[in-house]
């Protein structure tokens, strides 16, 4: 085959569109709501309030607080601090005004203590992920078609997370878990 015939064959192939770029980028709130739909937020609010009631805590969690709570958790993964409470301190180097204005520290701690996504009285003891099954079913309805595999990222420097696996083609490096298909 020559280069000209290869180019002709490629021209006949109709490649699917991988994604559509919108003319206007969505706001941070729109992206958040695409990731955490209202059914999941409703589930968190309902079961967290149910758990708080069982523990004789009278305050109810509302949807807006749950949105703020999850957003703070996402932000804390991006802006780590040694202690979670440092987001609300008055020191300039640790205080985060977005976090402090969105939810008070005590309210955040209350939601953290009562966060639940299922009923603890009706747990399946044979299933290790019974508390998270509803979330798995919501976000991964095709879980039977997926698998998880381990992979090594080669690294020869000094680091505490580096591993050595004898008999592996990549013996030194970081072991990570990656999604796979059928």
N, C-alpha and C. Protein backbone atom coordinates (compact mmCIF):
# COMPACT_ATOMS: atom_id res chain seq x y z
N UNK A 1 0.84 -1.19 0.00
CA UNK A 1 0.00 0.00 0.00
C UNK A 1 0.87 1.24 0.00
N UNK A 2 0.39 2.23 -0.65
CA UNK A 2 1.11 3.49 -0.67
C UNK A 2 0.45 4.47 0.28
N UNK A 3 1.10 5.58 0.47
CA UNK A 3 0.56 6.60 1.37
C UNK A 3 -0.75 7.17 0.85
N UNK A 4 -0.89 7.25 -0.49
CA UNK A 4 -2.11 7.82 -1.06
C UNK A 4 -3.31 6.93 -0.78
N UNK A 5 -3.16 5.61 -0.87
CA UNK A 5 -4.30 4.72 -0.62
C UNK A 5 -4.66 4.70 0.85
N UNK A 6 -3.67 4.83 1.74
CA UNK A 6 -3.96 4.91 3.18
C UNK A 6 -4.77 6.17 3.48
N UNK A 7 -4.41 7.27 2.86
CA UNK A 7 -5.14 8.53 3.09
C UNK A 7 -6.56 8.42 2.58
N UNK A 8 -6.77 7.73 1.43
CA UNK A 8 -8.12 7.56 0.90
C UNK A 8 -8.98 6.72 1.83
N UNK A 9 -8.41 5.65 2.41
CA UNK A 9 -9.17 4.81 3.33
C UNK A 9 -9.55 5.58 4.59
N UNK A 10 -8.66 6.41 5.10
CA UNK A 10 -8.96 7.21 6.29
C UNK A 10 -10.03 8.25 6.01
N UNK A 11 -10.09 8.75 4.78
CA UNK A 11 -11.09 9.76 4.44
C UNK A 11 -12.49 9.16 4.42
N UNK A 12 -12.61 7.86 4.12
CA UNK A 12 -13.92 7.20 4.07
C UNK A 12 -14.47 6.87 5.44
N UNK A 13 -13.63 6.83 6.45
CA UNK A 13 -14.07 6.47 7.80
C UNK A 13 -14.76 7.66 8.44
N UNK A 14 -15.95 7.42 8.99
CA UNK A 14 -16.68 8.48 9.72
C UNK A 14 -16.39 8.26 11.19
N UNK A 15 -15.55 9.10 11.75
CA UNK A 15 -15.18 8.99 13.15
C UNK A 15 -16.27 9.59 14.02
N UNK A 16 -16.62 8.92 15.13
CA UNK A 16 -17.66 9.49 16.01
C UNK A 16 -17.12 10.70 16.77
N UNK A 17 -18.03 11.59 17.09
CA UNK A 17 -17.67 12.76 17.88
C UNK A 17 -17.44 12.31 19.32
N UNK A 18 -16.29 12.59 19.85
CA UNK A 18 -15.96 12.14 21.20
C UNK A 18 -16.69 12.97 22.25
N UNK A 19 -16.71 14.26 22.08
CA UNK A 19 -17.40 15.13 23.01
C UNK A 19 -17.75 16.42 22.28
N UNK A 20 -18.70 17.11 22.82
CA UNK A 20 -19.13 18.36 22.22
C UNK A 20 -18.65 19.51 23.09
N UNK A 21 -17.92 20.41 22.51
CA UNK A 21 -17.45 21.58 23.24
C UNK A 21 -18.53 22.64 23.14
N UNK A 22 -19.02 23.05 24.28
CA UNK A 22 -20.07 24.06 24.30
C UNK A 22 -19.47 25.43 24.02
N UNK A 23 -20.27 26.28 23.39
CA UNK A 23 -19.77 27.61 23.06
C UNK A 23 -19.52 28.43 24.31
N UNK A 24 -20.34 28.23 25.34
CA UNK A 24 -20.13 28.93 26.60
C UNK A 24 -19.85 27.90 27.68
N UNK A 25 -18.78 28.07 28.40
CA UNK A 25 -18.41 27.12 29.43
C UNK A 25 -19.40 27.17 30.59
N UNK A 26 -19.73 26.02 31.17
CA UNK A 26 -20.66 26.02 32.30
C UNK A 26 -20.00 26.61 33.54
N UNK A 27 -20.83 27.14 34.42
CA UNK A 27 -20.31 27.70 35.67
C UNK A 27 -19.91 26.58 36.61
N UNK A 28 -19.25 26.94 37.68
CA UNK A 28 -18.83 25.94 38.67
C UNK A 28 -20.04 25.27 39.30
N UNK A 29 -21.11 26.02 39.51
CA UNK A 29 -22.33 25.45 40.08
C UNK A 29 -22.95 24.44 39.13
N UNK A 30 -22.99 24.76 37.84
CA UNK A 30 -23.54 23.83 36.85
C UNK A 30 -22.72 22.54 36.78
N UNK A 31 -21.41 22.66 36.84
CA UNK A 31 -20.56 21.47 36.84
C UNK A 31 -20.80 20.62 38.08
N UNK A 32 -20.96 21.28 39.22
CA UNK A 32 -21.23 20.57 40.46
C UNK A 32 -22.55 19.81 40.36
N UNK A 33 -23.58 20.47 39.85
CA UNK A 33 -24.90 19.82 39.76
C UNK A 33 -24.92 18.71 38.72
N UNK A 34 -24.04 18.77 37.72
CA UNK A 34 -23.94 17.66 36.77
C UNK A 34 -23.31 16.44 37.44
N UNK A 35 -22.41 16.68 38.38
CA UNK A 35 -21.73 15.57 39.06
C UNK A 35 -22.56 14.98 40.18
N UNK A 36 -23.24 15.83 40.93
CA UNK A 36 -24.04 15.38 42.07
C UNK A 36 -25.50 15.75 41.80
N UNK A 37 -26.25 14.80 41.25
CA UNK A 37 -27.64 15.11 40.93
C UNK A 37 -28.49 15.18 42.19
N UNK A 38 -29.69 15.65 42.03
CA UNK A 38 -30.57 15.90 43.18
C UNK A 38 -30.97 14.61 43.90
N UNK A 39 -31.05 13.49 43.18
CA UNK A 39 -31.41 12.22 43.83
C UNK A 39 -30.36 11.83 44.86
N UNK A 40 -29.10 12.00 44.53
CA UNK A 40 -28.03 11.66 45.46
C UNK A 40 -28.03 12.62 46.65
N UNK A 41 -28.21 13.90 46.39
CA UNK A 41 -28.28 14.88 47.48
C UNK A 41 -29.47 14.57 48.38
N UNK A 42 -30.63 14.25 47.78
CA UNK A 42 -31.82 13.89 48.57
C UNK A 42 -31.54 12.68 49.46
N UNK A 43 -30.85 11.69 48.89
CA UNK A 43 -30.53 10.48 49.65
C UNK A 43 -29.62 10.82 50.85
N UNK A 44 -28.59 11.63 50.61
CA UNK A 44 -27.70 12.03 51.70
C UNK A 44 -28.46 12.80 52.78
N UNK A 45 -29.30 13.74 52.37
CA UNK A 45 -30.05 14.55 53.33
C UNK A 45 -31.01 13.68 54.14
N UNK A 46 -31.76 12.80 53.45
CA UNK A 46 -32.74 11.97 54.14
C UNK A 46 -32.09 11.05 55.17
N UNK A 47 -31.07 10.30 54.74
CA UNK A 47 -30.46 9.33 55.66
C UNK A 47 -29.61 10.01 56.74
N UNK A 48 -29.02 11.15 56.44
CA UNK A 48 -28.27 11.88 57.47
C UNK A 48 -29.21 12.43 58.53
N UNK A 49 -30.35 12.97 58.11
CA UNK A 49 -31.34 13.45 59.08
C UNK A 49 -31.91 12.29 59.89
N UNK A 50 -32.13 11.16 59.23
CA UNK A 50 -32.63 9.97 59.92
C UNK A 50 -31.65 9.51 61.00
N UNK A 51 -30.37 9.47 60.66
CA UNK A 51 -29.34 9.06 61.62
C UNK A 51 -29.24 10.06 62.77
N UNK A 52 -29.30 11.36 62.46
CA UNK A 52 -29.23 12.38 63.51
C UNK A 52 -30.40 12.26 64.47
N UNK A 53 -31.58 11.96 63.95
CA UNK A 53 -32.77 11.78 64.80
C UNK A 53 -32.59 10.59 65.72
N UNK A 54 -32.03 9.50 65.20
CA UNK A 54 -31.80 8.31 66.04
C UNK A 54 -30.80 8.59 67.15
N UNK A 55 -29.90 9.52 66.92
CA UNK A 55 -28.90 9.88 67.93
C UNK A 55 -29.36 11.05 68.80
N UNK A 56 -30.66 11.39 68.73
CA UNK A 56 -31.28 12.46 69.52
C UNK A 56 -30.65 13.82 69.24
N UNK A 57 -30.28 14.05 68.01
CA UNK A 57 -29.80 15.36 67.58
C UNK A 57 -30.93 16.00 66.79
N UNK A 58 -31.39 17.14 67.22
CA UNK A 58 -32.63 17.70 66.69
C UNK A 58 -32.46 18.56 65.44
N UNK A 59 -31.27 18.97 65.11
CA UNK A 59 -31.07 19.85 63.96
C UNK A 59 -31.24 19.07 62.66
N UNK A 60 -31.92 19.66 61.69
CA UNK A 60 -32.09 19.04 60.39
C UNK A 60 -31.12 19.63 59.38
N UNK A 61 -30.67 18.79 58.48
CA UNK A 61 -29.78 19.22 57.40
C UNK A 61 -30.65 19.54 56.19
N UNK A 62 -30.37 20.65 55.53
CA UNK A 62 -31.14 21.01 54.34
C UNK A 62 -30.27 20.83 53.09
N UNK A 63 -30.91 20.86 51.93
CA UNK A 63 -30.21 20.59 50.67
C UNK A 63 -29.06 21.56 50.41
N UNK A 64 -29.28 22.83 50.67
CA UNK A 64 -28.23 23.81 50.41
C UNK A 64 -27.00 23.55 51.27
N UNK A 65 -27.21 23.12 52.51
CA UNK A 65 -26.08 22.79 53.38
C UNK A 65 -25.33 21.57 52.87
N UNK A 66 -26.07 20.59 52.35
CA UNK A 66 -25.41 19.39 51.81
C UNK A 66 -24.60 19.75 50.57
N UNK A 67 -25.12 20.63 49.73
CA UNK A 67 -24.36 21.11 48.57
C UNK A 67 -23.06 21.77 49.04
N UNK A 68 -23.17 22.66 50.02
CA UNK A 68 -21.98 23.35 50.54
C UNK A 68 -21.01 22.37 51.17
N UNK A 69 -21.53 21.39 51.91
CA UNK A 69 -20.69 20.40 52.57
C UNK A 69 -19.86 19.62 51.54
N UNK A 70 -20.51 19.12 50.50
CA UNK A 70 -19.80 18.35 49.47
C UNK A 70 -18.80 19.24 48.74
N UNK A 71 -19.18 20.48 48.47
CA UNK A 71 -18.25 21.40 47.81
C UNK A 71 -17.02 21.66 48.67
N UNK A 72 -17.21 21.78 49.98
CA UNK A 72 -16.06 21.98 50.88
C UNK A 72 -15.17 20.74 50.88
N UNK A 73 -15.76 19.56 50.85
CA UNK A 73 -14.95 18.34 50.78
C UNK A 73 -14.14 18.29 49.49
N UNK A 74 -14.76 18.67 48.38
CA UNK A 74 -14.04 18.70 47.11
C UNK A 74 -12.91 19.73 47.15
N UNK A 75 -13.19 20.90 47.70
CA UNK A 75 -12.17 21.94 47.81
C UNK A 75 -11.04 21.52 48.74
N UNK A 76 -11.36 20.80 49.80
CA UNK A 76 -10.32 20.38 50.74
C UNK A 76 -9.37 19.36 50.11
N UNK A 77 -9.82 18.66 49.08
CA UNK A 77 -8.91 17.79 48.35
C UNK A 77 -7.97 18.57 47.46
N UNK A 78 -8.40 19.74 47.05
CA UNK A 78 -7.59 20.59 46.18
C UNK A 78 -6.68 21.52 46.97
N UNK A 79 -7.16 22.00 48.11
CA UNK A 79 -6.38 22.88 48.99
C UNK A 79 -6.21 22.22 50.35
N UNK A 80 -5.28 21.30 50.48
CA UNK A 80 -5.16 20.58 51.75
C UNK A 80 -4.58 21.45 52.86
N UNK A 81 -5.11 21.26 54.06
CA UNK A 81 -4.57 21.90 55.26
C UNK A 81 -4.35 20.79 56.29
N UNK A 82 -3.44 20.99 57.25
CA UNK A 82 -3.16 19.93 58.23
C UNK A 82 -4.39 19.49 59.03
N UNK A 83 -5.25 20.44 59.36
CA UNK A 83 -6.47 20.11 60.10
C UNK A 83 -7.65 20.77 59.40
N UNK A 84 -8.74 20.06 59.34
CA UNK A 84 -9.92 20.55 58.64
C UNK A 84 -10.42 21.88 59.20
N UNK A 85 -10.31 22.06 60.50
CA UNK A 85 -10.82 23.28 61.14
C UNK A 85 -10.04 24.53 60.73
N UNK A 86 -8.89 24.37 60.13
CA UNK A 86 -8.07 25.53 59.75
C UNK A 86 -8.73 26.38 58.67
N UNK A 87 -9.68 25.81 57.91
CA UNK A 87 -10.40 26.60 56.91
C UNK A 87 -11.17 27.75 57.56
N UNK A 88 -11.57 27.60 58.81
CA UNK A 88 -12.39 28.59 59.49
C UNK A 88 -11.59 29.48 60.45
N UNK A 89 -10.29 29.25 60.59
CA UNK A 89 -9.48 30.08 61.48
C UNK A 89 -9.37 31.49 60.93
N UNK A 90 -9.05 32.43 61.79
CA UNK A 90 -8.95 33.83 61.40
C UNK A 90 -7.57 34.20 60.87
N UNK A 91 -6.64 33.24 60.85
CA UNK A 91 -5.29 33.52 60.36
C UNK A 91 -5.31 33.65 58.84
N UNK A 92 -4.56 34.60 58.32
CA UNK A 92 -4.58 34.88 56.89
C UNK A 92 -4.03 33.72 56.05
N UNK A 93 -3.09 32.97 56.61
CA UNK A 93 -2.46 31.93 55.81
C UNK A 93 -3.30 30.66 55.68
N UNK A 94 -4.30 30.48 56.52
CA UNK A 94 -5.11 29.26 56.42
C UNK A 94 -6.59 29.51 56.18
N UNK A 95 -7.10 30.66 56.55
CA UNK A 95 -8.53 30.89 56.40
C UNK A 95 -8.92 30.90 54.93
N UNK A 96 -10.05 30.27 54.64
CA UNK A 96 -10.60 30.29 53.30
C UNK A 96 -11.97 30.95 53.39
N UNK A 97 -12.09 32.12 52.82
CA UNK A 97 -13.32 32.90 52.95
C UNK A 97 -14.48 32.20 52.28
N UNK A 98 -14.23 31.51 51.16
CA UNK A 98 -15.31 30.78 50.49
C UNK A 98 -15.91 29.72 51.40
N UNK A 99 -15.05 28.99 52.09
CA UNK A 99 -15.52 27.94 52.99
C UNK A 99 -16.23 28.56 54.19
N UNK A 100 -15.63 29.58 54.78
CA UNK A 100 -16.22 30.19 55.97
C UNK A 100 -17.57 30.83 55.67
N UNK A 101 -17.73 31.40 54.49
CA UNK A 101 -19.01 32.02 54.13
C UNK A 101 -20.06 30.99 53.73
N UNK A 102 -19.64 29.85 53.20
CA UNK A 102 -20.60 28.85 52.74
C UNK A 102 -21.27 28.10 53.88
N UNK A 103 -20.49 27.76 54.91
CA UNK A 103 -21.01 26.92 55.99
C UNK A 103 -20.18 27.18 57.24
N UNK A 104 -20.84 27.26 58.38
CA UNK A 104 -20.08 27.48 59.62
C UNK A 104 -19.31 26.21 59.99
N UNK A 105 -18.29 26.38 60.79
CA UNK A 105 -17.46 25.24 61.19
C UNK A 105 -18.27 24.22 61.97
N UNK A 106 -19.08 24.68 62.92
CA UNK A 106 -19.86 23.75 63.73
C UNK A 106 -20.90 23.01 62.90
N UNK A 107 -21.47 23.70 61.92
CA UNK A 107 -22.46 23.05 61.06
C UNK A 107 -21.78 22.00 60.18
N UNK A 108 -20.60 22.32 59.68
CA UNK A 108 -19.84 21.35 58.89
C UNK A 108 -19.54 20.11 59.73
N UNK A 109 -19.10 20.31 60.96
CA UNK A 109 -18.79 19.19 61.85
C UNK A 109 -20.05 18.37 62.15
N UNK A 110 -21.19 19.03 62.32
CA UNK A 110 -22.45 18.33 62.56
C UNK A 110 -22.81 17.43 61.38
N UNK A 111 -22.68 17.97 60.17
CA UNK A 111 -23.00 17.16 58.98
C UNK A 111 -22.00 16.02 58.84
N UNK A 112 -20.73 16.29 59.13
CA UNK A 112 -19.71 15.24 59.04
C UNK A 112 -19.99 14.11 60.02
N UNK A 113 -20.45 14.43 61.22
CA UNK A 113 -20.75 13.41 62.23
C UNK A 113 -21.96 12.57 61.85
N UNK A 114 -22.90 13.15 61.11
CA UNK A 114 -24.16 12.47 60.82
C UNK A 114 -24.31 12.02 59.37
N UNK A 115 -23.28 12.16 58.57
CA UNK A 115 -23.38 11.82 57.15
C UNK A 115 -23.65 10.33 56.96
N UNK A 116 -24.76 10.02 56.31
CA UNK A 116 -25.13 8.64 56.01
C UNK A 116 -25.81 8.58 54.65
N UNK A 117 -25.72 7.43 54.01
CA UNK A 117 -26.41 7.25 52.72
C UNK A 117 -27.25 5.98 52.70
N UNK A 118 -27.48 5.37 53.86
CA UNK A 118 -28.34 4.19 53.94
C UNK A 118 -28.83 4.03 55.38
N UNK A 119 -29.71 3.05 55.57
CA UNK A 119 -30.26 2.77 56.89
C UNK A 119 -29.37 1.73 57.57
N UNK A 120 -28.80 2.06 58.70
CA UNK A 120 -27.92 1.13 59.41
C UNK A 120 -28.66 -0.06 59.99
N UNK A 121 -29.98 0.04 60.15
CA UNK A 121 -30.75 -1.06 60.72
C UNK A 121 -31.00 -2.18 59.72
N UNK A 122 -30.86 -1.91 58.43
CA UNK A 122 -31.15 -2.91 57.40
C UNK A 122 -29.93 -3.16 56.52
N UNK A 123 -28.82 -3.48 57.13
CA UNK A 123 -27.59 -3.72 56.38
C UNK A 123 -27.44 -5.19 56.06
N UNK A 124 -26.93 -5.47 54.87
CA UNK A 124 -26.61 -6.84 54.46
C UNK A 124 -25.19 -7.14 54.94
N UNK A 125 -25.08 -8.01 55.93
CA UNK A 125 -23.76 -8.27 56.54
C UNK A 125 -22.83 -9.03 55.61
N UNK A 126 -23.35 -9.68 54.57
CA UNK A 126 -22.48 -10.42 53.66
C UNK A 126 -21.82 -9.51 52.62
N UNK A 127 -22.34 -8.30 52.45
CA UNK A 127 -21.82 -7.36 51.46
C UNK A 127 -20.93 -6.33 52.16
N UNK A 128 -19.67 -6.27 51.77
CA UNK A 128 -18.75 -5.34 52.41
C UNK A 128 -19.02 -3.88 52.02
N UNK A 129 -19.68 -3.67 50.90
CA UNK A 129 -19.97 -2.31 50.44
C UNK A 129 -21.45 -1.98 50.59
N UNK A 130 -22.11 -2.61 51.53
CA UNK A 130 -23.55 -2.43 51.65
C UNK A 130 -23.95 -0.98 51.93
N UNK A 131 -23.12 -0.23 52.63
CA UNK A 131 -23.46 1.17 52.93
C UNK A 131 -23.35 2.05 51.69
N UNK A 132 -22.56 1.65 50.73
CA UNK A 132 -22.34 2.48 49.55
C UNK A 132 -23.04 1.96 48.30
N UNK A 133 -23.80 0.87 48.42
CA UNK A 133 -24.43 0.28 47.24
C UNK A 133 -25.33 1.24 46.49
N UNK A 134 -26.10 2.06 47.21
CA UNK A 134 -27.00 2.99 46.53
C UNK A 134 -26.22 4.01 45.70
N UNK A 135 -25.09 4.44 46.20
CA UNK A 135 -24.27 5.39 45.44
C UNK A 135 -23.65 4.69 44.24
N UNK A 136 -23.16 3.47 44.43
CA UNK A 136 -22.60 2.72 43.31
C UNK A 136 -23.65 2.52 42.22
N UNK A 137 -24.87 2.18 42.61
CA UNK A 137 -25.93 1.95 41.62
C UNK A 137 -26.30 3.24 40.90
N UNK A 138 -26.20 4.37 41.57
CA UNK A 138 -26.53 5.65 40.94
C UNK A 138 -25.46 6.08 39.95
N UNK A 139 -24.19 5.94 40.33
CA UNK A 139 -23.11 6.45 39.49
C UNK A 139 -22.51 5.41 38.57
N UNK A 140 -22.69 4.17 38.85
CA UNK A 140 -22.10 3.13 38.00
C UNK A 140 -23.13 2.03 37.75
N UNK A 141 -24.18 2.33 36.96
CA UNK A 141 -25.21 1.31 36.75
C UNK A 141 -24.71 0.11 35.95
N UNK A 142 -23.60 0.25 35.26
CA UNK A 142 -23.07 -0.85 34.46
C UNK A 142 -21.84 -1.47 35.12
N UNK A 143 -21.87 -1.59 36.43
CA UNK A 143 -20.69 -2.04 37.17
C UNK A 143 -20.28 -3.46 36.82
N UNK A 144 -21.18 -4.29 36.31
CA UNK A 144 -20.82 -5.66 35.95
C UNK A 144 -19.94 -5.69 34.71
N UNK A 145 -19.92 -4.61 33.95
CA UNK A 145 -19.14 -4.56 32.73
C UNK A 145 -17.76 -3.94 32.94
N UNK A 146 -17.45 -3.57 34.17
CA UNK A 146 -16.17 -2.93 34.46
C UNK A 146 -15.33 -3.80 35.39
N UNK A 147 -14.05 -3.57 35.32
CA UNK A 147 -13.14 -4.26 36.24
C UNK A 147 -12.05 -3.28 36.67
N UNK A 148 -11.33 -3.67 37.68
CA UNK A 148 -10.23 -2.84 38.19
C UNK A 148 -8.96 -3.68 38.12
N UNK A 149 -7.89 -3.08 37.65
CA UNK A 149 -6.62 -3.78 37.51
C UNK A 149 -5.53 -2.93 38.14
N UNK A 150 -4.44 -3.57 38.50
CA UNK A 150 -3.32 -2.82 39.06
C UNK A 150 -2.29 -2.58 37.97
N UNK A 151 -1.59 -1.47 38.10
CA UNK A 151 -0.57 -1.10 37.14
C UNK A 151 0.59 -0.45 37.91
N UNK A 152 1.76 -0.51 37.33
CA UNK A 152 2.93 0.10 37.95
C UNK A 152 3.39 1.29 37.10
N UNK A 153 3.66 2.38 37.77
CA UNK A 153 4.26 3.55 37.13
C UNK A 153 5.73 3.52 37.50
N UNK A 154 6.62 3.41 36.51
CA UNK A 154 8.04 3.29 36.84
C UNK A 154 8.57 4.54 37.56
N UNK A 155 9.32 4.29 38.64
CA UNK A 155 9.94 5.38 39.40
C UNK A 155 11.14 4.80 40.12
N UNK A 156 12.29 5.44 39.95
CA UNK A 156 13.51 4.93 40.55
C UNK A 156 14.08 5.85 41.62
N UNK A 157 13.42 6.96 41.88
CA UNK A 157 13.88 7.88 42.92
C UNK A 157 13.52 7.39 44.31
N UNK A 158 13.75 8.23 45.29
CA UNK A 158 13.42 7.88 46.68
C UNK A 158 12.06 8.45 47.03
N UNK A 159 11.16 7.60 47.48
CA UNK A 159 9.85 8.03 47.93
C UNK A 159 9.25 6.91 48.77
N UNK A 160 8.52 7.27 49.79
CA UNK A 160 7.94 6.28 50.70
C UNK A 160 6.87 5.42 50.07
N UNK A 161 6.23 5.89 49.02
CA UNK A 161 5.16 5.12 48.37
C UNK A 161 5.68 4.19 47.29
N UNK A 162 6.96 4.26 46.98
CA UNK A 162 7.52 3.42 45.93
C UNK A 162 7.50 1.96 46.38
N UNK A 163 7.17 1.06 45.46
CA UNK A 163 7.11 -0.36 45.79
C UNK A 163 8.04 -1.16 44.90
N UNK A 164 8.38 -2.34 45.38
CA UNK A 164 9.16 -3.30 44.60
C UNK A 164 8.32 -4.56 44.46
N UNK A 165 8.12 -4.99 43.22
CA UNK A 165 7.36 -6.22 42.98
C UNK A 165 8.24 -7.13 42.13
N UNK A 166 8.66 -8.24 42.73
CA UNK A 166 9.54 -9.20 42.06
C UNK A 166 8.76 -9.90 40.93
N UNK A 167 9.40 -10.08 39.80
CA UNK A 167 8.80 -10.79 38.68
C UNK A 167 7.92 -9.92 37.80
N UNK A 168 7.80 -8.67 38.11
CA UNK A 168 6.99 -7.75 37.31
C UNK A 168 7.90 -7.09 36.28
N UNK A 169 7.42 -6.81 35.07
CA UNK A 169 8.28 -6.11 34.10
C UNK A 169 8.76 -4.76 34.61
N UNK A 170 7.90 -4.05 35.31
CA UNK A 170 8.29 -2.79 35.96
C UNK A 170 8.38 -3.11 37.45
N UNK A 171 9.59 -3.29 37.95
CA UNK A 171 9.73 -3.78 39.32
C UNK A 171 9.69 -2.67 40.36
N UNK A 172 10.17 -1.46 40.03
CA UNK A 172 10.19 -0.35 40.98
C UNK A 172 9.24 0.73 40.51
N UNK A 173 8.43 1.22 41.41
CA UNK A 173 7.55 2.32 41.05
C UNK A 173 6.33 2.41 41.96
N UNK A 174 5.35 3.14 41.47
CA UNK A 174 4.10 3.32 42.20
C UNK A 174 3.07 2.33 41.68
N UNK A 175 2.42 1.63 42.59
CA UNK A 175 1.33 0.74 42.20
C UNK A 175 0.03 1.53 42.27
N UNK A 176 -0.70 1.53 41.17
CA UNK A 176 -1.98 2.23 41.13
C UNK A 176 -3.06 1.27 40.65
N UNK A 177 -4.29 1.63 40.91
CA UNK A 177 -5.43 0.84 40.45
C UNK A 177 -6.10 1.60 39.32
N UNK A 178 -6.34 0.90 38.20
CA UNK A 178 -6.91 1.55 37.03
C UNK A 178 -8.18 0.83 36.60
N UNK A 179 -9.12 1.56 36.01
CA UNK A 179 -10.34 0.90 35.53
C UNK A 179 -10.08 0.15 34.24
N UNK A 180 -10.78 -0.93 34.06
CA UNK A 180 -10.67 -1.73 32.86
C UNK A 180 -12.05 -2.04 32.31
N UNK A 181 -12.10 -2.75 31.21
CA UNK A 181 -13.38 -3.13 30.60
C UNK A 181 -13.71 -4.58 30.87
N UNK A 182 -14.58 -5.13 30.03
CA UNK A 182 -14.99 -6.52 30.19
C UNK A 182 -13.83 -7.47 30.07
